[in-house]
């Protein structure tokens, strides 16, 4: 919600002709860069380890319900649709042919 509010203020400033705004967002990486990432760089104690215990999706769901932004039914429907989308995407990937190596350079912007 902090990002949403900061972006809203930045947009308002821009629309008033007050120039651009830099919004710095600091966050925590819950997962590694790839499936086998051992994440040895993560702290096991202290403030950073507390971030690892939090589930931002669960927290936002609870916030949205408490603020009346979503009903329980809507939140559940969003979760179910998202799970179905992921299942469909995985099935599509598993059933697709392995791409040819030369396709690596298609649709890539580079000089």
PDB file of N, CA and C in Angstrom:
ATOM      1  N   UNK A   1       0.825  -1.178   0.000  1.00  0.00           N
ATOM      2  CA  UNK A   1       0.000   0.000   0.000  1.00  0.00           C
ATOM      3  C   UNK A   1       0.874   1.249   0.000  1.00  0.00           C
ATOM      4  N   UNK A   2       2.054   1.174   0.582  1.00  0.00           N
ATOM      5  CA  UNK A   2       2.956   2.327   0.598  1.00  0.00           C
ATOM      6  C   UNK A   2       3.374   2.699  -0.816  1.00  0.00           C
ATOM      7  N   UNK A   3       3.637   1.697  -1.653  1.00  0.00           N
ATOM      8  CA  UNK A   3       4.006   1.965  -3.045  1.00  0.00           C
ATOM      9  C   UNK A   3       2.833   2.581  -3.794  1.00  0.00           C
ATOM     10  N   UNK A   4       1.647   2.049  -3.579  1.00  0.00           N
ATOM     11  CA  UNK A   4       0.442   2.572  -4.215  1.00  0.00           C
ATOM     12  C   UNK A   4       0.257   4.052  -3.857  1.00  0.00           C
ATOM     13  N   UNK A   5       0.406   4.371  -2.584  1.00  0.00           N
ATOM     14  CA  UNK A   5       0.235   5.750  -2.140  1.00  0.00           C
ATOM     15  C   UNK A   5       1.329   6.662  -2.692  1.00  0.00           C
ATOM     16  N   UNK A   6       2.588   6.193  -2.673  1.00  0.00           N
ATOM     17  CA  UNK A   6       3.689   7.003  -3.192  1.00  0.00           C
ATOM     18  C   UNK A   6       3.529   7.239  -4.695  1.00  0.00           C
ATOM     19  N   UNK A   7       3.108   6.211  -5.413  1.00  0.00           N
ATOM     20  CA  UNK A   7       2.893   6.358  -6.856  1.00  0.00           C
ATOM     21  C   UNK A   7       1.754   7.341  -7.120  1.00  0.00           C
ATOM     22  N   UNK A   8       0.704   7.281  -6.307  1.00  0.00           N
ATOM     23  CA  UNK A   8      -0.409   8.220  -6.458  1.00  0.00           C
ATOM     24  C   UNK A   8       0.046   9.659  -6.301  1.00  0.00           C
ATOM     25  N   UNK A   9       0.895   9.910  -5.309  1.00  0.00           N
ATOM     26  CA  UNK A   9       1.432  11.259  -5.096  1.00  0.00           C
ATOM     27  C   UNK A   9       2.316  11.683  -6.268  1.00  0.00           C
ATOM     28  N   UNK A  10       3.118  10.765  -6.775  1.00  0.00           N
ATOM     29  CA  UNK A  10       4.000  11.068  -7.910  1.00  0.00           C
ATOM     30  C   UNK A  10       3.174  11.401  -9.151  1.00  0.00           C
ATOM     31  N   UNK A  11       2.129  10.649  -9.381  1.00  0.00           N
ATOM     32  CA  UNK A  11       1.256  10.890 -10.536  1.00  0.00           C
ATOM     33  C   UNK A  11       0.580  12.247 -10.399  1.00  0.00           C
ATOM     34  N   UNK A  12       0.123  12.550  -9.200  1.00  0.00           N
ATOM     35  CA  UNK A  12      -0.525  13.836  -8.942  1.00  0.00           C
ATOM     36  C   UNK A  12       0.441  14.995  -9.214  1.00  0.00           C
ATOM     37  N   UNK A  13       1.684  14.865  -8.738  1.00  0.00           N
ATOM     38  CA  UNK A  13       2.705  15.886  -8.991  1.00  0.00           C
ATOM     39  C   UNK A  13       2.925  16.074 -10.492  1.00  0.00           C
ATOM     40  N   UNK A  14       3.040  14.954 -11.211  1.00  0.00           N
ATOM     41  CA  UNK A  14       3.299  15.025 -12.648  1.00  0.00           C
ATOM     42  C   UNK A  14       2.149  15.705 -13.377  1.00  0.00           C
ATOM     43  N   UNK A  15       0.938  15.376 -12.998  1.00  0.00           N
ATOM     44  CA  UNK A  15      -0.232  15.979 -13.648  1.00  0.00           C
ATOM     45  C   UNK A  15      -0.330  17.473 -13.380  1.00  0.00           C
ATOM     46  N   UNK A  16       0.222  17.908 -12.271  1.00  0.00           N
ATOM     47  CA  UNK A  16       0.231  19.331 -11.946  1.00  0.00           C
ATOM     48  C   UNK A  16       1.382  20.056 -12.650  1.00  0.00           C
ATOM     49  N   UNK A  17       2.209  19.286 -13.351  1.00  0.00           N
ATOM     50  CA  UNK A  17       3.353  19.878 -14.047  1.00  0.00           C
ATOM     51  C   UNK A  17       4.537  20.129 -13.141  1.00  0.00           C
ATOM     52  N   UNK A  18       4.590  19.438 -12.008  1.00  0.00           N
ATOM     53  CA  UNK A  18       5.665  19.638 -11.037  1.00  0.00           C
ATOM     54  C   UNK A  18       6.868  18.730 -11.280  1.00  0.00           C
ATOM     55  N   UNK A  19       6.882  18.057 -12.407  1.00  0.00           N
ATOM     56  CA  UNK A  19       8.048  17.260 -12.776  1.00  0.00           C
ATOM     57  C   UNK A  19       7.983  15.821 -12.313  1.00  0.00           C
ATOM     58  N   UNK A  20       9.041  15.093 -12.641  1.00  0.00           N
ATOM     59  CA  UNK A  20       9.094  13.661 -12.320  1.00  0.00           C
ATOM     60  C   UNK A  20       9.404  13.425 -10.837  1.00  0.00           C
ATOM     61  N   UNK A  21       9.149  12.203 -10.416  1.00  0.00           N
ATOM     62  CA  UNK A  21       9.422  11.775  -9.049  1.00  0.00           C
ATOM     63  C   UNK A  21      10.135  10.433  -9.111  1.00  0.00           C
ATOM     64  N   UNK A  22      11.131  10.284  -8.285  1.00  0.00           N
ATOM     65  CA  UNK A  22      11.805   8.992  -8.155  1.00  0.00           C
ATOM     66  C   UNK A  22      11.204   8.293  -6.936  1.00  0.00           C
ATOM     67  N   UNK A  23      10.656   7.114  -7.146  1.00  0.00           N
ATOM     68  CA  UNK A  23      10.093   6.327  -6.048  1.00  0.00           C
ATOM     69  C   UNK A  23      11.026   5.147  -5.814  1.00  0.00           C
ATOM     70  N   UNK A  24      11.659   5.139  -4.658  1.00  0.00           N
ATOM     71  CA  UNK A  24      12.560   4.046  -4.311  1.00  0.00           C
ATOM     72  C   UNK A  24      11.772   3.012  -3.511  1.00  0.00           C
ATOM     73  N   UNK A  25      11.827   1.778  -3.948  1.00  0.00           N
ATOM     74  CA  UNK A  25      11.103   0.700  -3.269  1.00  0.00           C
ATOM     75  C   UNK A  25      12.106  -0.335  -2.774  1.00  0.00           C
ATOM     76  N   UNK A  26      12.140  -0.517  -1.507  1.00  0.00           N
ATOM     77  CA  UNK A  26      13.007  -1.549  -0.926  1.00  0.00           C
ATOM     78  C   UNK A  26      12.120  -2.711  -0.533  1.00  0.00           C
ATOM     79  N   UNK A  27      12.532  -3.893  -0.921  1.00  0.00           N
ATOM     80  CA  UNK A  27      11.717  -5.064  -0.655  1.00  0.00           C
ATOM     81  C   UNK A  27      12.609  -6.231  -0.246  1.00  0.00           C
ATOM     82  N   UNK A  28      12.016  -7.338  -0.006  1.00  0.00           N
ATOM     83  CA  UNK A  28      12.737  -8.538   0.411  1.00  0.00           C
ATOM     84  C   UNK A  28      12.493  -9.638  -0.608  1.00  0.00           C
ATOM     85  N   UNK A  29      13.534 -10.303  -1.009  1.00  0.00           N
ATOM     86  CA  UNK A  29      13.404 -11.412  -1.962  1.00  0.00           C
ATOM     87  C   UNK A  29      13.070 -12.679  -1.181  1.00  0.00           C
ATOM     88  N   UNK A  30      11.832 -13.152  -1.329  1.00  0.00           N
ATOM     89  CA  UNK A  30      11.421 -14.362  -0.616  1.00  0.00           C
ATOM     90  C   UNK A  30      11.999 -15.624  -1.225  1.00  0.00           C
ATOM     91  N   UNK A  31      12.284 -15.579  -2.499  1.00  0.00           N
ATOM     92  CA  UNK A  31      12.776 -16.757  -3.200  1.00  0.00           C
ATOM     93  C   UNK A  31      14.062 -16.416  -3.926  1.00  0.00           C
ATOM     94  N   UNK A  32      14.828 -17.427  -4.249  1.00  0.00           N
ATOM     95  CA  UNK A  32      16.104 -17.220  -4.912  1.00  0.00           C
ATOM     96  C   UNK A  32      15.964 -16.840  -6.382  1.00  0.00           C
ATOM     97  N   UNK A  33      17.091 -16.738  -7.031  1.00  0.00           N
ATOM     98  CA  UNK A  33      17.124 -16.355  -8.436  1.00  0.00           C
ATOM     99  C   UNK A  33      16.710 -17.504  -9.358  1.00  0.00           C
ATOM    100  N   UNK A  34      16.834 -18.713  -8.872  1.00  0.00           N
ATOM    101  CA  UNK A  34      16.483 -19.882  -9.672  1.00  0.00           C
ATOM    102  C   UNK A  34      16.136 -21.030  -8.725  1.00  0.00           C
ATOM    103  N   UNK A  35      15.572 -22.077  -9.260  1.00  0.00           N
ATOM    104  CA  UNK A  35      15.057 -23.191  -8.459  1.00  0.00           C
ATOM    105  C   UNK A  35      16.094 -23.778  -7.503  1.00  0.00           C
ATOM    106  N   UNK A  36      17.347 -23.878  -7.932  1.00  0.00           N
ATOM    107  CA  UNK A  36      18.376 -24.508  -7.106  1.00  0.00           C
ATOM    108  C   UNK A  36      19.169 -23.539  -6.239  1.00  0.00           C
ATOM    109  N   UNK A  37      18.766 -22.273  -6.178  1.00  0.00           N
ATOM    110  CA  UNK A  37      19.480 -21.267  -5.401  1.00  0.00           C
ATOM    111  C   UNK A  37      19.450 -21.634  -3.919  1.00  0.00           C
ATOM    112  N   UNK A  38      20.622 -21.836  -3.327  1.00  0.00           N
ATOM    113  CA  UNK A  38      20.696 -22.223  -1.914  1.00  0.00           C
ATOM    114  C   UNK A  38      20.427 -21.046  -0.978  1.00  0.00           C
ATOM    115  N   UNK A  39      20.433 -19.850  -1.498  1.00  0.00           N
ATOM    116  CA  UNK A  39      20.133 -18.628  -0.748  1.00  0.00           C
ATOM    117  C   UNK A  39      21.014 -18.474   0.494  1.00  0.00           C
ATOM    118  N   UNK A  40      22.295 -18.748   0.340  1.00  0.00           N
ATOM    119  CA  UNK A  40      23.236 -18.632   1.450  1.00  0.00           C
ATOM    120  C   UNK A  40      23.434 -17.180   1.879  1.00  0.00           C
ATOM    121  N   UNK A  41      23.025 -16.254   1.051  1.00  0.00           N
ATOM    122  CA  UNK A  41      23.169 -14.833   1.338  1.00  0.00           C
ATOM    123  C   UNK A  41      22.093 -14.319   2.287  1.00  0.00           C
ATOM    124  N   UNK A  42      21.106 -15.145   2.602  1.00  0.00           N
ATOM    125  CA  UNK A  42      20.011 -14.704   3.464  1.00  0.00           C
ATOM    126  C   UNK A  42      20.410 -14.808   4.937  1.00  0.00           C
ATOM    127  N   UNK A  43      19.982 -13.803   5.691  1.00  0.00           N
ATOM    128  CA  UNK A  43      20.238 -13.801   7.128  1.00  0.00           C
ATOM    129  C   UNK A  43      19.307 -14.802   7.816  1.00  0.00           C
ATOM    130  N   UNK A  44      19.830 -15.488   8.791  1.00  0.00           N
ATOM    131  CA  UNK A  44      19.013 -16.459   9.531  1.00  0.00           C
ATOM    132  C   UNK A  44      18.494 -15.872  10.844  1.00  0.00           C
ATOM    133  N   UNK A  45      19.018 -14.715  11.215  1.00  0.00           N
ATOM    134  CA  UNK A  45      18.560 -14.046  12.436  1.00  0.00           C
ATOM    135  C   UNK A  45      18.384 -12.561  12.151  1.00  0.00           C
ATOM    136  N   UNK A  46      17.696 -11.887  13.046  1.00  0.00           N
ATOM    137  CA  UNK A  46      17.536 -10.438  12.932  1.00  0.00           C
ATOM    138  C   UNK A  46      16.356 -10.029  12.078  1.00  0.00           C
ATOM    139  N   UNK A  47      16.340  -8.726  11.747  1.00  0.00           N
ATOM    140  CA  UNK A  47      15.208  -8.138  11.034  1.00  0.00           C
ATOM    141  C   UNK A  47      14.947  -8.827   9.690  1.00  0.00           C
ATOM    142  N   UNK A  48      16.010  -9.135   8.947  1.00  0.00           N
ATOM    143  CA  UNK A  48      15.822  -9.752   7.631  1.00  0.00           C
ATOM    144  C   UNK A  48      15.152 -11.111   7.745  1.00  0.00           C
ATOM    145  N   UNK A  49      15.498 -11.873   8.756  1.00  0.00           N
ATOM    146  CA  UNK A  49      14.884 -13.194   8.902  1.00  0.00           C
ATOM    147  C   UNK A  49      13.393 -13.071   9.223  1.00  0.00           C
ATOM    148  N   UNK A  50      12.990 -11.966   9.844  1.00  0.00           N
ATOM    149  CA  UNK A  50      11.567 -11.738  10.125  1.00  0.00           C
ATOM    150  C   UNK A  50      10.786 -11.527   8.824  1.00  0.00           C
ATOM    151  N   UNK A  51      11.398 -10.850   7.855  1.00  0.00           N
ATOM    152  CA  UNK A  51      10.746 -10.654   6.554  1.00  0.00           C
ATOM    153  C   UNK A  51      10.488 -11.989   5.872  1.00  0.00           C
ATOM    154  N   UNK A  52      11.410 -12.922   6.025  1.00  0.00           N
ATOM    155  CA  UNK A  52      11.282 -14.221   5.366  1.00  0.00           C
ATOM    156  C   UNK A  52      10.076 -14.999   5.883  1.00  0.00           C
ATOM    157  N   UNK A  53       9.654 -14.729   7.097  1.00  0.00           N
ATOM    158  CA  UNK A  53       8.527 -15.444   7.698  1.00  0.00           C
ATOM    159  C   UNK A  53       7.176 -14.897   7.247  1.00  0.00           C
ATOM    160  N   UNK A  54       7.193 -13.707   6.629  1.00  0.00           N
ATOM    161  CA  UNK A  54       5.941 -13.063   6.247  1.00  0.00           C
ATOM    162  C   UNK A  54       5.497 -13.523   4.855  1.00  0.00           C
ATOM    163  N   UNK A  55       4.206 -13.561   4.661  1.00  0.00           N
ATOM    164  CA  UNK A  55       3.621 -13.907   3.361  1.00  0.00           C
ATOM    165  C   UNK A  55       2.859 -12.675   2.881  1.00  0.00           C
ATOM    166  N   UNK A  56       3.437 -11.953   1.924  1.00  0.00           N
ATOM    167  CA  UNK A  56       2.846 -10.692   1.491  1.00  0.00           C
ATOM    168  C   UNK A  56       1.475 -10.884   0.836  1.00  0.00           C
ATOM    169  N   UNK A  57       1.254 -11.998   0.191  1.00  0.00           N
ATOM    170  CA  UNK A  57      -0.049 -12.245  -0.432  1.00  0.00           C
ATOM    171  C   UNK A  57      -1.107 -12.453   0.650  1.00  0.00           C
ATOM    172  N   UNK A  58      -0.774 -13.234   1.659  1.00  0.00           N
ATOM    173  CA  UNK A  58      -1.709 -13.465   2.766  1.00  0.00           C
ATOM    174  C   UNK A  58      -1.984 -12.149   3.501  1.00  0.00           C
ATOM    175  N   UNK A  59      -0.929 -11.379   3.744  1.00  0.00           N
ATOM    176  CA  UNK A  59      -1.098 -10.106   4.452  1.00  0.00           C
ATOM    177  C   UNK A  59      -1.984  -9.140   3.658  1.00  0.00           C
ATOM    178  N   UNK A  60      -1.778  -9.082   2.332  1.00  0.00           N
ATOM    179  CA  UNK A  60      -2.606  -8.175   1.537  1.00  0.00           C
ATOM    180  C   UNK A  60      -4.049  -8.649   1.498  1.00  0.00           C
ATOM    181  N   UNK A  61      -4.245  -9.942   1.420  1.00  0.00           N
ATOM    182  CA  UNK A  61      -5.615 -10.487   1.435  1.00  0.00           C
ATOM    183  C   UNK A  61      -6.330 -10.053   2.714  1.00  0.00           C
ATOM    184  N   UNK A  62      -5.644 -10.221   3.837  1.00  0.00           N
ATOM    185  CA  UNK A  62      -6.230  -9.841   5.121  1.00  0.00           C
ATOM    186  C   UNK A  62      -6.511  -8.337   5.170  1.00  0.00           C
ATOM    187  N   UNK A  63      -5.579  -7.540   4.660  1.00  0.00           N
ATOM    188  CA  UNK A  63      -5.761  -6.089   4.632  1.00  0.00           C
ATOM    189  C   UNK A  63      -6.963  -5.715   3.765  1.00  0.00           C
ATOM    190  N   UNK A  64      -7.035  -6.284   2.571  1.00  0.00           N
ATOM    191  CA  UNK A  64      -8.119  -5.966   1.637  1.00  0.00           C
ATOM    192  C   UNK A  64      -9.476  -6.357   2.225  1.00  0.00           C
ATOM    193  N   UNK A  65      -9.535  -7.488   2.902  1.00  0.00           N
ATOM    194  CA  UNK A  65     -10.784  -7.909   3.542  1.00  0.00           C
ATOM    195  C   UNK A  65     -11.151  -6.952   4.684  1.00  0.00           C
ATOM    196  N   UNK A  66     -10.161  -6.605   5.507  1.00  0.00           N
ATOM    197  CA  UNK A  66     -10.415  -5.727   6.653  1.00  0.00           C
ATOM    198  C   UNK A  66     -10.848  -4.332   6.212  1.00  0.00           C
ATOM    199  N   UNK A  67     -10.317  -3.867   5.077  1.00  0.00           N
ATOM    200  CA  UNK A  67     -10.646  -2.526   4.581  1.00  0.00           C
ATOM    201  C   UNK A  67     -11.906  -2.516   3.722  1.00  0.00           C
ATOM    202  N   UNK A  68     -12.465  -3.687   3.482  1.00  0.00           N
ATOM    203  CA  UNK A  68     -13.661  -3.764   2.654  1.00  0.00           C
ATOM    204  C   UNK A  68     -13.376  -3.594   1.169  1.00  0.00           C
ATOM    205  N   UNK A  69     -12.133  -3.798   0.779  1.00  0.00           N
ATOM    206  CA  UNK A  69     -11.759  -3.685  -0.635  1.00  0.00           C
ATOM    207  C   UNK A  69     -12.164  -4.926  -1.419  1.00  0.00           C
ATOM    208  N   UNK A  70     -12.264  -6.049  -0.727  1.00  0.00           N
ATOM    209  CA  UNK A  70     -12.640  -7.336  -1.323  1.00  0.00           C
ATOM    210  C   UNK A  70     -13.587  -8.060  -0.388  1.00  0.00           C
ATOM    211  N   UNK A  71     -14.452  -8.845  -0.966  1.00  0.00           N
ATOM    212  CA  UNK A  71     -15.262  -9.749  -0.152  1.00  0.00           C
ATOM    213  C   UNK A  71     -14.511 -11.070  -0.052  1.00  0.00           C
ATOM    214  N   UNK A  72     -14.881 -11.885   0.891  1.00  0.00           N
ATOM    215  CA  UNK A  72     -14.277 -13.210   1.040  1.00  0.00           C
ATOM    216  C   UNK A  72     -14.452 -14.013  -0.251  1.00  0.00           C
ATOM    217  N   UNK A  73     -15.618 -13.899  -0.856  1.00  0.00           N
ATOM    218  CA  UNK A  73     -15.912 -14.629  -2.095  1.00  0.00           C
ATOM    219  C   UNK A  73     -15.004 -14.158  -3.240  1.00  0.00           C
ATOM    220  N   UNK A  74     -14.840 -12.835  -3.350  1.00  0.00           N
ATOM    221  CA  UNK A  74     -13.988 -12.289  -4.417  1.00  0.00           C
ATOM    222  C   UNK A  74     -12.536 -12.712  -4.232  1.00  0.00           C
ATOM    223  N   UNK A  75     -12.058 -12.659  -2.992  1.00  0.00           N
ATOM    224  CA  UNK A  75     -10.680 -13.049  -2.709  1.00  0.00           C
ATOM    225  C   UNK A  75     -10.456 -14.515  -3.054  1.00  0.00           C
ATOM    226  N   UNK A  76     -11.395 -15.354  -2.669  1.00  0.00           N
ATOM    227  CA  UNK A  76     -11.292 -16.787  -2.977  1.00  0.00           C
ATOM    228  C   UNK A  76     -11.337 -17.022  -4.479  1.00  0.00           C
ATOM    229  N   UNK A  77     -12.208 -16.297  -5.170  1.00  0.00           N
ATOM    230  CA  UNK A  77     -12.305 -16.439  -6.627  1.00  0.00           C
ATOM    231  C   UNK A  77     -10.987 -16.037  -7.301  1.00  0.00           C
ATOM    232  N   UNK A  78     -10.377 -14.963  -6.845  1.00  0.00           N
ATOM    233  CA  UNK A  78      -9.088 -14.526  -7.398  1.00  0.00           C
ATOM    234  C   UNK A  78      -8.033 -15.603  -7.187  1.00  0.00           C
ATOM    235  N   UNK A  79      -7.979 -16.161  -5.990  1.00  0.00           N
ATOM    236  CA  UNK A  79      -7.007 -17.213  -5.689  1.00  0.00           C
ATOM    237  C   UNK A  79      -7.241 -18.444  -6.556  1.00  0.00           C
ATOM    238  N   UNK A  80      -8.489 -18.841  -6.701  1.00  0.00           N
ATOM    239  CA  UNK A  80      -8.803 -20.024  -7.513  1.00  0.00           C
ATOM    240  C   UNK A  80      -8.474 -19.783  -8.989  1.00  0.00           C
ATOM    241  N   UNK A  81      -8.805 -18.607  -9.507  1.00  0.00           N
ATOM    242  CA  UNK A  81      -8.493 -18.285 -10.905  1.00  0.00           C
ATOM    243  C   UNK A  81      -6.990 -18.242 -11.133  1.00  0.00           C
ATOM    244  N   UNK A  82      -6.255 -17.691 -10.167  1.00  0.00           N
ATOM    245  CA  UNK A  82      -4.799 -17.634 -10.281  1.00  0.00           C
ATOM    246  C   UNK A  82      -4.199 -19.035 -10.289  1.00  0.00           C
ATOM    247  N   UNK A  83      -4.683 -19.888  -9.401  1.00  0.00           N
ATOM    248  CA  UNK A  83      -4.189 -21.276  -9.343  1.00  0.00           C
ATOM    249  C   UNK A  83      -4.489 -21.998 -10.660  1.00  0.00           C
ATOM    250  N   UNK A  84      -5.670 -21.762 -11.229  1.00  0.00           N
ATOM    251  CA  UNK A  84      -6.033 -22.390 -12.504  1.00  0.00           C
ATOM    252  C   UNK A  84      -5.148 -21.869 -13.634  1.00  0.00           C
ATOM    253  N   UNK A  85      -4.863 -20.563 -13.634  1.00  0.00           N
ATOM    254  CA  UNK A  85      -3.986 -19.985 -14.652  1.00  0.00           C
ATOM    255  C   UNK A  85      -2.592 -20.605 -14.588  1.00  0.00           C
ATOM    256  N   UNK A  86      -2.080 -20.771 -13.375  1.00  0.00           N
ATOM    257  CA  UNK A  86      -0.751 -21.358 -13.198  1.00  0.00           C
ATOM    258  C   UNK A  86      -0.751 -22.810 -13.669  1.00  0.00           C
ATOM    259  N   UNK A  87      -1.774 -23.541 -13.296  1.00  0.00           N
ATOM    260  CA  UNK A  87      -1.882 -24.947 -13.704  1.00  0.00           C
ATOM    261  C   UNK A  87      -1.916 -25.055 -15.228  1.00  0.00           C
ATOM    262  N   UNK A  88      -2.691 -24.175 -15.867  1.00  0.00           N
ATOM    263  CA  UNK A  88      -2.783 -24.161 -17.328  1.00  0.00           C
ATOM    264  C   UNK A  88      -1.425 -23.821 -17.956  1.00  0.00           C
ATOM    265  N   UNK A  89      -0.722 -22.842 -17.404  1.00  0.00           N
ATOM    266  CA  UNK A  89       0.580 -22.440 -17.950  1.00  0.00           C
ATOM    267  C   UNK A  89       1.605 -23.564 -17.822  1.00  0.00           C
ATOM    268  N   UNK A  90       1.597 -24.259 -16.688  1.00  0.00           N
ATOM    269  CA  UNK A  90       2.529 -25.372 -16.491  1.00  0.00           C
ATOM    270  C   UNK A  90       2.214 -26.497 -17.474  1.00  0.00           C
ATOM    271  N   UNK A  91       0.937 -26.797 -17.640  1.00  0.00           N
ATOM    272  CA  UNK A  91       0.530 -27.853 -18.579  1.00  0.00           C
ATOM    273  C   UNK A  91       0.970 -27.486 -20.003  1.00  0.00           C
ATOM    274  N   UNK A  92       0.742 -26.234 -20.389  1.00  0.00           N
ATOM    275  CA  UNK A  92       1.151 -25.771 -21.714  1.00  0.00           C
ATOM    276  C   UNK A  92       2.661 -25.927 -21.899  1.00  0.00           C
ATOM    277  N   UNK A  93       3.431 -25.529 -20.895  1.00  0.00           N
ATOM    278  CA  UNK A  93       4.892 -25.620 -20.979  1.00  0.00           C
ATOM    279  C   UNK A  93       5.347 -27.075 -21.077  1.00  0.00           C
ATOM    280  N   UNK A  94       4.741 -27.925 -20.277  1.00  0.00           N
ATOM    281  CA  UNK A  94       5.142 -29.334 -20.279  1.00  0.00           C
ATOM    282  C   UNK A  94       4.787 -30.024 -21.592  1.00  0.00           C
ATOM    283  N   UNK A  95       3.700 -29.595 -22.236  1.00  0.00           N
ATOM    284  CA  UNK A  95       3.259 -30.229 -23.478  1.00  0.00           C
ATOM    285  C   UNK A  95       3.864 -29.591 -24.730  1.00  0.00           C
ATOM    286  N   UNK A  96       4.553 -28.478 -24.563  1.00  0.00           N
ATOM    287  CA  UNK A  96       5.140 -27.781 -25.708  1.00  0.00           C
ATOM    288  C   UNK A  96       6.458 -28.425 -26.114  1.00  0.00           C
ATOM    289  N   UNK A  97       6.772 -28.281 -27.402  1.00  0.00           N
ATOM    290  CA  UNK A  97       8.066 -28.752 -27.895  1.00  0.00           C
ATOM    291  C   UNK A  97       9.178 -27.899 -27.289  1.00  0.00           C
ATOM    292  N   UNK A  98      10.342 -28.498 -27.126  1.00  0.00           N
ATOM    293  CA  UNK A  98      11.501 -27.741 -26.655  1.00  0.00           C
ATOM    294  C   UNK A  98      11.907 -26.791 -27.780  1.00  0.00           C
ATOM    295  N   UNK A  99      12.085 -25.505 -27.473  1.00  0.00           N
ATOM    296  CA  UNK A  99      12.429 -24.545 -28.528  1.00  0.00           C
ATOM    297  C   UNK A  99      13.798 -24.823 -29.136  1.00  0.00           C
ATOM    298  N   UNK A 100      13.946 -24.460 -30.392  1.00  0.00           N
ATOM    299  CA  UNK A 100      15.233 -24.581 -31.067  1.00  0.00           C
ATOM    300  C   UNK A 100      16.162 -23.493 -30.538  1.00  0.00           C
ATOM    301  N   UNK A 101      17.458 -23.771 -30.434  1.00  0.00           N
ATOM    302  CA  UNK A 101      18.408 -22.793 -29.878  1.00  0.00           C
ATOM    303  C   UNK A 101      18.368 -21.430 -30.568  1.00  0.00           C
ATOM    304  N   UNK A 102      18.146 -21.413 -31.884  1.00  0.00           N
ATOM    305  CA  UNK A 102      18.164 -20.131 -32.608  1.00  0.00           C
ATOM    306  C   UNK A 102      17.013 -19.208 -32.203  1.00  0.00           C
ATOM    307  N   UNK A 103      15.969 -19.751 -31.568  1.00  0.00           N
ATOM    308  CA  UNK A 103      14.858 -18.897 -31.140  1.00  0.00           C
ATOM    309  C   UNK A 103      15.244 -18.027 -29.938  1.00  0.00           C
ATOM    310  N   UNK A 104      16.386 -18.330 -29.339  1.00  0.00           N
ATOM    311  CA  UNK A 104      16.862 -17.544 -28.208  1.00  0.00           C
ATOM    312  C   UNK A 104      17.014 -16.069 -28.570  1.00  0.00           C
ATOM    313  N   UNK A 105      17.308 -15.799 -29.832  1.00  0.00           N
ATOM    314  CA  UNK A 105      17.571 -14.423 -30.257  1.00  0.00           C
ATOM    315  C   UNK A 105      16.358 -13.744 -30.884  1.00  0.00           C
ATOM    316  N   UNK A 106      15.237 -14.395 -30.893  1.00  0.00           N
ATOM    317  CA  UNK A 106      14.034 -13.795 -31.452  1.00  0.00           C
ATOM    318  C   UNK A 106      13.338 -12.922 -30.418  1.00  0.00           C
ATOM    319  N   UNK A 107      12.758 -11.830 -30.895  1.00  0.00           N
ATOM    320  CA  UNK A 107      11.999 -10.921 -30.042  1.00  0.00           C
ATOM    321  C   UNK A 107      12.816 -10.366 -28.889  1.00  0.00           C
ATOM    322  N   UNK A 108      14.101 -10.158 -29.124  1.00  0.00           N
ATOM    323  CA  UNK A 108      14.996  -9.578 -28.124  1.00  0.00           C
ATOM    324  C   UNK A 108      15.517  -8.268 -28.680  1.00  0.00           C
ATOM    325  N   UNK A 109      15.407  -7.206 -27.908  1.00  0.00           N
ATOM    326  CA  UNK A 109      15.915  -5.920 -28.348  1.00  0.00           C
ATOM    327  C   UNK A 109      17.366  -5.791 -27.948  1.00  0.00           C
ATOM    328  N   UNK A 110      18.223  -5.617 -28.912  1.00  0.00           N
ATOM    329  CA  UNK A 110      19.645  -5.395 -28.640  1.00  0.00           C
ATOM    330  C   UNK A 110      20.272  -4.723 -29.837  1.00  0.00           C
ATOM    331  N   UNK A 111      21.227  -3.855 -29.576  1.00  0.00           N
ATOM    332  CA  UNK A 111      21.958  -3.210 -30.668  1.00  0.00           C
ATOM    333  C   UNK A 111      23.146  -4.060 -31.060  1.00  0.00           C
TER     334      UNK A 111
END
